[in-house]
N, C-alpha and C. Protein backbone atom coordinates (compact mmCIF):
# COMPACT_ATOMS: atom_id res chain seq x y z
N MET A 1 -59.44 16.56 -134.83
CA MET A 1 -60.33 16.85 -133.73
C MET A 1 -60.58 18.35 -133.67
N SER A 2 -61.63 18.75 -133.00
CA SER A 2 -61.98 20.15 -132.87
C SER A 2 -62.76 20.33 -131.58
N ILE A 3 -62.64 21.50 -131.00
CA ILE A 3 -63.42 21.80 -129.80
C ILE A 3 -64.76 22.42 -130.14
N GLY A 4 -65.09 22.47 -131.43
CA GLY A 4 -66.39 22.98 -131.84
C GLY A 4 -66.32 24.31 -132.54
N ASP A 5 -65.11 24.83 -132.78
CA ASP A 5 -64.98 26.14 -133.42
C ASP A 5 -64.42 26.05 -134.83
N ASN A 6 -64.44 24.86 -135.44
CA ASN A 6 -63.96 24.61 -136.79
C ASN A 6 -62.46 24.77 -136.96
N ASN A 7 -61.69 24.94 -135.87
CA ASN A 7 -60.24 24.89 -135.93
C ASN A 7 -59.83 23.44 -135.71
N VAL A 8 -59.54 22.77 -136.80
CA VAL A 8 -59.25 21.34 -136.76
C VAL A 8 -57.78 21.13 -136.44
N ILE A 9 -57.51 20.25 -135.49
CA ILE A 9 -56.14 19.88 -135.13
C ILE A 9 -55.94 18.45 -135.62
N TRP A 10 -55.00 18.27 -136.55
CA TRP A 10 -54.75 16.95 -137.11
C TRP A 10 -53.78 16.18 -136.24
N LYS A 11 -54.07 14.92 -136.06
CA LYS A 11 -53.20 14.02 -135.32
C LYS A 11 -52.87 12.84 -136.22
N PRO A 12 -51.64 12.32 -136.12
CA PRO A 12 -51.31 11.13 -136.92
C PRO A 12 -52.21 9.96 -136.53
N VAL A 13 -52.57 9.19 -137.52
CA VAL A 13 -53.43 8.04 -137.27
C VAL A 13 -52.58 6.85 -136.83
N ASP A 14 -53.10 6.09 -135.91
CA ASP A 14 -52.47 4.84 -135.52
C ASP A 14 -52.52 3.90 -136.73
N PRO A 15 -51.40 3.29 -137.11
CA PRO A 15 -51.41 2.39 -138.28
C PRO A 15 -52.49 1.31 -138.21
N ALA A 16 -52.87 0.89 -137.02
CA ALA A 16 -53.92 -0.12 -136.89
C ALA A 16 -55.30 0.44 -137.23
N ASP A 17 -55.45 1.76 -137.24
CA ASP A 17 -56.74 2.40 -137.51
C ASP A 17 -56.81 3.05 -138.89
N GLN A 18 -55.82 2.82 -139.74
CA GLN A 18 -55.82 3.45 -141.07
C GLN A 18 -56.99 2.94 -141.91
N SER A 19 -57.51 3.83 -142.74
CA SER A 19 -58.61 3.50 -143.64
C SER A 19 -58.23 3.87 -145.06
N THR A 20 -58.83 3.23 -146.01
CA THR A 20 -58.61 3.56 -147.42
C THR A 20 -59.95 3.75 -148.11
N ILE A 21 -59.95 4.64 -149.10
CA ILE A 21 -61.09 4.80 -150.01
C ILE A 21 -60.52 4.78 -151.41
N GLU A 22 -61.09 3.97 -152.26
CA GLU A 22 -60.66 3.92 -153.66
C GLU A 22 -61.86 4.27 -154.53
N PHE A 23 -61.73 5.36 -155.29
CA PHE A 23 -62.77 5.80 -156.20
C PHE A 23 -62.46 5.25 -157.59
N HIS A 24 -63.45 4.63 -158.23
CA HIS A 24 -63.26 3.99 -159.53
C HIS A 24 -63.91 4.83 -160.63
N ALA A 25 -63.42 4.66 -161.85
CA ALA A 25 -63.90 5.44 -163.00
C ALA A 25 -65.38 5.20 -163.28
N ASP A 26 -65.92 4.06 -162.87
CA ASP A 26 -67.34 3.78 -163.12
C ASP A 26 -68.26 4.34 -162.04
N SER A 27 -67.75 5.25 -161.20
CA SER A 27 -68.48 5.90 -160.11
C SER A 27 -68.73 4.99 -158.91
N SER A 28 -68.11 3.83 -158.88
CA SER A 28 -68.20 3.00 -157.69
C SER A 28 -67.03 3.33 -156.77
N PHE A 29 -67.11 2.90 -155.54
CA PHE A 29 -65.99 3.09 -154.63
C PHE A 29 -65.92 1.92 -153.67
N THR A 30 -64.74 1.70 -153.16
CA THR A 30 -64.52 0.71 -152.12
C THR A 30 -63.80 1.41 -150.99
N CYS A 31 -64.09 0.99 -149.78
CA CYS A 31 -63.42 1.62 -148.66
C CYS A 31 -63.37 0.71 -147.45
N THR A 32 -62.37 0.98 -146.62
CA THR A 32 -62.29 0.32 -145.32
C THR A 32 -62.67 1.31 -144.23
N ALA A 33 -62.90 2.56 -144.60
CA ALA A 33 -63.31 3.59 -143.64
C ALA A 33 -64.75 3.31 -143.21
N ASN A 34 -65.08 3.64 -141.98
CA ASN A 34 -66.42 3.40 -141.48
C ASN A 34 -67.26 4.66 -141.63
N PHE A 35 -67.94 4.79 -142.76
CA PHE A 35 -68.87 5.89 -143.01
C PHE A 35 -70.29 5.36 -143.03
N GLU A 36 -70.55 4.36 -142.20
CA GLU A 36 -71.84 3.68 -142.20
C GLU A 36 -72.12 3.05 -143.55
N LYS A 37 -71.08 2.83 -144.34
CA LYS A 37 -71.24 2.25 -145.66
C LYS A 37 -71.93 0.89 -145.59
N ALA A 38 -71.53 0.05 -144.65
CA ALA A 38 -72.11 -1.28 -144.56
C ALA A 38 -73.60 -1.21 -144.22
N ASN A 39 -73.98 -0.36 -143.28
CA ASN A 39 -75.37 -0.25 -142.89
C ASN A 39 -76.23 0.37 -143.99
N LEU A 40 -75.69 1.34 -144.69
CA LEU A 40 -76.45 2.04 -145.74
C LEU A 40 -76.33 1.36 -147.09
N GLN A 41 -75.41 0.43 -147.23
CA GLN A 41 -75.13 -0.25 -148.50
C GLN A 41 -74.72 0.73 -149.59
N LEU A 42 -73.91 1.71 -149.23
CA LEU A 42 -73.45 2.71 -150.20
C LEU A 42 -72.40 2.08 -151.11
N ASN A 43 -72.53 2.33 -152.42
CA ASN A 43 -71.58 1.75 -153.36
C ASN A 43 -71.33 2.62 -154.59
N LYS A 44 -71.94 3.78 -154.68
CA LYS A 44 -71.73 4.70 -155.80
C LYS A 44 -71.42 6.08 -155.27
N PHE A 45 -70.76 6.90 -156.07
CA PHE A 45 -70.48 8.27 -155.66
C PHE A 45 -70.61 9.21 -156.85
N SER A 46 -70.88 10.47 -156.55
CA SER A 46 -70.80 11.54 -157.54
C SER A 46 -70.27 12.77 -156.82
N LEU A 47 -69.52 13.57 -157.53
CA LEU A 47 -68.97 14.79 -156.98
C LEU A 47 -69.73 15.95 -157.60
N VAL A 48 -70.45 16.71 -156.77
CA VAL A 48 -71.25 17.84 -157.22
C VAL A 48 -70.72 19.07 -156.49
N GLY A 49 -69.90 19.86 -157.17
CA GLY A 49 -69.25 20.99 -156.51
C GLY A 49 -68.32 20.47 -155.43
N ASP A 50 -68.57 20.90 -154.20
CA ASP A 50 -67.75 20.43 -153.09
C ASP A 50 -68.47 19.38 -152.25
N ALA A 51 -69.52 18.79 -152.83
CA ALA A 51 -70.27 17.74 -152.13
C ALA A 51 -70.01 16.38 -152.76
N LEU A 52 -69.67 15.43 -151.95
CA LEU A 52 -69.49 14.05 -152.38
C LEU A 52 -70.78 13.32 -152.01
N ILE A 53 -71.54 12.95 -153.02
CA ILE A 53 -72.81 12.27 -152.81
C ILE A 53 -72.56 10.78 -152.92
N MET A 54 -72.73 10.07 -151.81
CA MET A 54 -72.58 8.63 -151.80
C MET A 54 -73.98 8.04 -151.83
N SER A 55 -74.20 7.04 -152.68
CA SER A 55 -75.53 6.48 -152.82
C SER A 55 -75.44 4.96 -152.96
N SER A 56 -76.61 4.34 -153.03
CA SER A 56 -76.70 2.89 -153.14
C SER A 56 -77.50 2.53 -154.39
N THR A 57 -77.01 1.53 -155.11
CA THR A 57 -77.79 0.99 -156.22
C THR A 57 -78.73 -0.09 -155.74
N LEU A 58 -78.67 -0.43 -154.45
CA LEU A 58 -79.48 -1.51 -153.88
C LEU A 58 -80.74 -0.99 -153.20
N ASN A 59 -80.75 0.30 -152.83
CA ASN A 59 -81.89 0.90 -152.14
C ASN A 59 -81.85 2.41 -152.36
N SER A 60 -82.63 3.17 -151.63
CA SER A 60 -82.69 4.62 -151.84
C SER A 60 -81.78 5.39 -150.88
N ASN A 61 -80.88 4.73 -150.18
CA ASN A 61 -80.01 5.39 -149.20
C ASN A 61 -78.98 6.29 -149.88
N THR A 62 -78.76 7.45 -149.28
CA THR A 62 -77.69 8.36 -149.71
C THR A 62 -77.04 8.97 -148.48
N ASP A 63 -75.85 9.49 -148.67
CA ASP A 63 -75.16 10.25 -147.63
C ASP A 63 -74.34 11.31 -148.34
N THR A 64 -74.24 12.48 -147.76
CA THR A 64 -73.52 13.59 -148.39
C THR A 64 -72.38 14.03 -147.49
N TRP A 65 -71.22 14.22 -148.09
CA TRP A 65 -70.03 14.66 -147.38
C TRP A 65 -69.47 15.90 -148.05
N TYR A 66 -68.88 16.79 -147.27
CA TYR A 66 -68.21 17.98 -147.79
C TYR A 66 -66.77 17.58 -148.12
N VAL A 67 -66.27 18.03 -149.26
CA VAL A 67 -64.96 17.63 -149.74
C VAL A 67 -64.05 18.83 -149.84
N ARG A 68 -62.81 18.67 -149.35
CA ARG A 68 -61.76 19.66 -149.58
C ARG A 68 -60.53 18.92 -150.10
N PHE A 69 -59.92 19.47 -151.14
CA PHE A 69 -58.68 18.91 -151.65
C PHE A 69 -57.54 19.82 -151.21
N ARG A 70 -56.49 19.25 -150.69
CA ARG A 70 -55.32 20.01 -150.26
C ARG A 70 -54.13 19.57 -151.09
N ASP A 71 -53.52 20.46 -151.78
CA ASP A 71 -52.29 20.29 -152.57
C ASP A 71 -52.25 19.00 -153.40
N ASN A 72 -53.37 18.58 -153.95
CA ASN A 72 -53.49 17.41 -154.83
C ASN A 72 -53.00 16.12 -154.21
N LYS A 73 -52.69 16.11 -152.93
CA LYS A 73 -52.21 14.90 -152.26
C LYS A 73 -53.07 14.52 -151.08
N ARG A 74 -53.98 15.40 -150.66
CA ARG A 74 -54.77 15.11 -149.48
C ARG A 74 -56.24 15.44 -149.73
N LEU A 75 -57.09 14.51 -149.36
CA LEU A 75 -58.53 14.67 -149.47
C LEU A 75 -59.09 14.73 -148.05
N GLU A 76 -59.88 15.74 -147.76
CA GLU A 76 -60.52 15.88 -146.46
C GLU A 76 -62.02 15.74 -146.64
N LEU A 77 -62.62 14.87 -145.86
CA LEU A 77 -64.06 14.64 -145.92
C LEU A 77 -64.69 15.02 -144.60
N SER A 78 -65.81 15.70 -144.66
CA SER A 78 -66.56 16.08 -143.46
C SER A 78 -68.03 15.80 -143.72
N ILE A 79 -68.67 15.17 -142.75
CA ILE A 79 -70.09 14.93 -142.89
C ILE A 79 -70.81 16.27 -142.75
N LEU A 80 -71.75 16.54 -143.61
CA LEU A 80 -72.41 17.85 -143.65
C LEU A 80 -73.21 18.16 -142.39
N ARG A 81 -73.69 17.14 -141.70
CA ARG A 81 -74.49 17.42 -140.51
C ARG A 81 -73.63 17.62 -139.27
N CYS A 82 -72.32 17.71 -139.41
CA CYS A 82 -71.42 17.94 -138.29
C CYS A 82 -70.98 19.40 -138.30
N PHE A 83 -71.19 20.11 -137.21
CA PHE A 83 -70.85 21.53 -137.12
C PHE A 83 -69.55 21.78 -136.37
N GLU A 84 -68.84 20.73 -136.00
CA GLU A 84 -67.70 20.88 -135.12
C GLU A 84 -66.37 20.55 -135.78
N GLY A 85 -66.27 20.65 -137.09
CA GLY A 85 -65.02 20.36 -137.74
C GLY A 85 -64.72 18.87 -137.76
N CYS A 86 -65.71 18.07 -138.04
CA CYS A 86 -65.55 16.60 -138.07
C CYS A 86 -64.99 16.20 -139.43
N TYR A 87 -63.71 16.19 -139.57
CA TYR A 87 -63.05 15.85 -140.82
C TYR A 87 -62.27 14.57 -140.69
N SER A 88 -62.20 13.84 -141.77
CA SER A 88 -61.25 12.74 -141.92
C SER A 88 -60.36 13.11 -143.09
N ALA A 89 -59.06 12.91 -142.93
CA ALA A 89 -58.11 13.26 -143.99
C ALA A 89 -57.54 11.99 -144.59
N PHE A 90 -57.42 12.00 -145.90
CA PHE A 90 -56.84 10.88 -146.64
C PHE A 90 -55.74 11.44 -147.53
N LYS A 91 -54.62 10.73 -147.63
CA LYS A 91 -53.59 11.17 -148.56
C LYS A 91 -53.54 10.23 -149.73
N ALA A 92 -53.20 10.78 -150.89
CA ALA A 92 -53.16 9.99 -152.12
C ALA A 92 -52.04 8.97 -152.05
N VAL A 93 -52.35 7.77 -152.50
CA VAL A 93 -51.33 6.72 -152.57
C VAL A 93 -51.06 6.33 -154.02
N LYS A 94 -51.88 6.77 -154.94
CA LYS A 94 -51.67 6.53 -156.37
C LYS A 94 -51.73 7.83 -157.12
């Protein structure tokens, strides 16, 4: 969470609200996180610099997220149109 000054305060996630994202070698991904994936039908990704481009092979929909990697064990995603430190953090399980 953030009060709008990009100083993000991390809080532990409730186990009932945990999400997963799995990136596959064929550039597809699966996730339980709600990134409007179902509405946009996003199913492909590409990493361009620090931007994660999520796209659909079913239509022309795309979404772009800012990516930060922390100590090779944590992935932080932020939607680019959010100016208030809107990050979701994921830790590596594999």
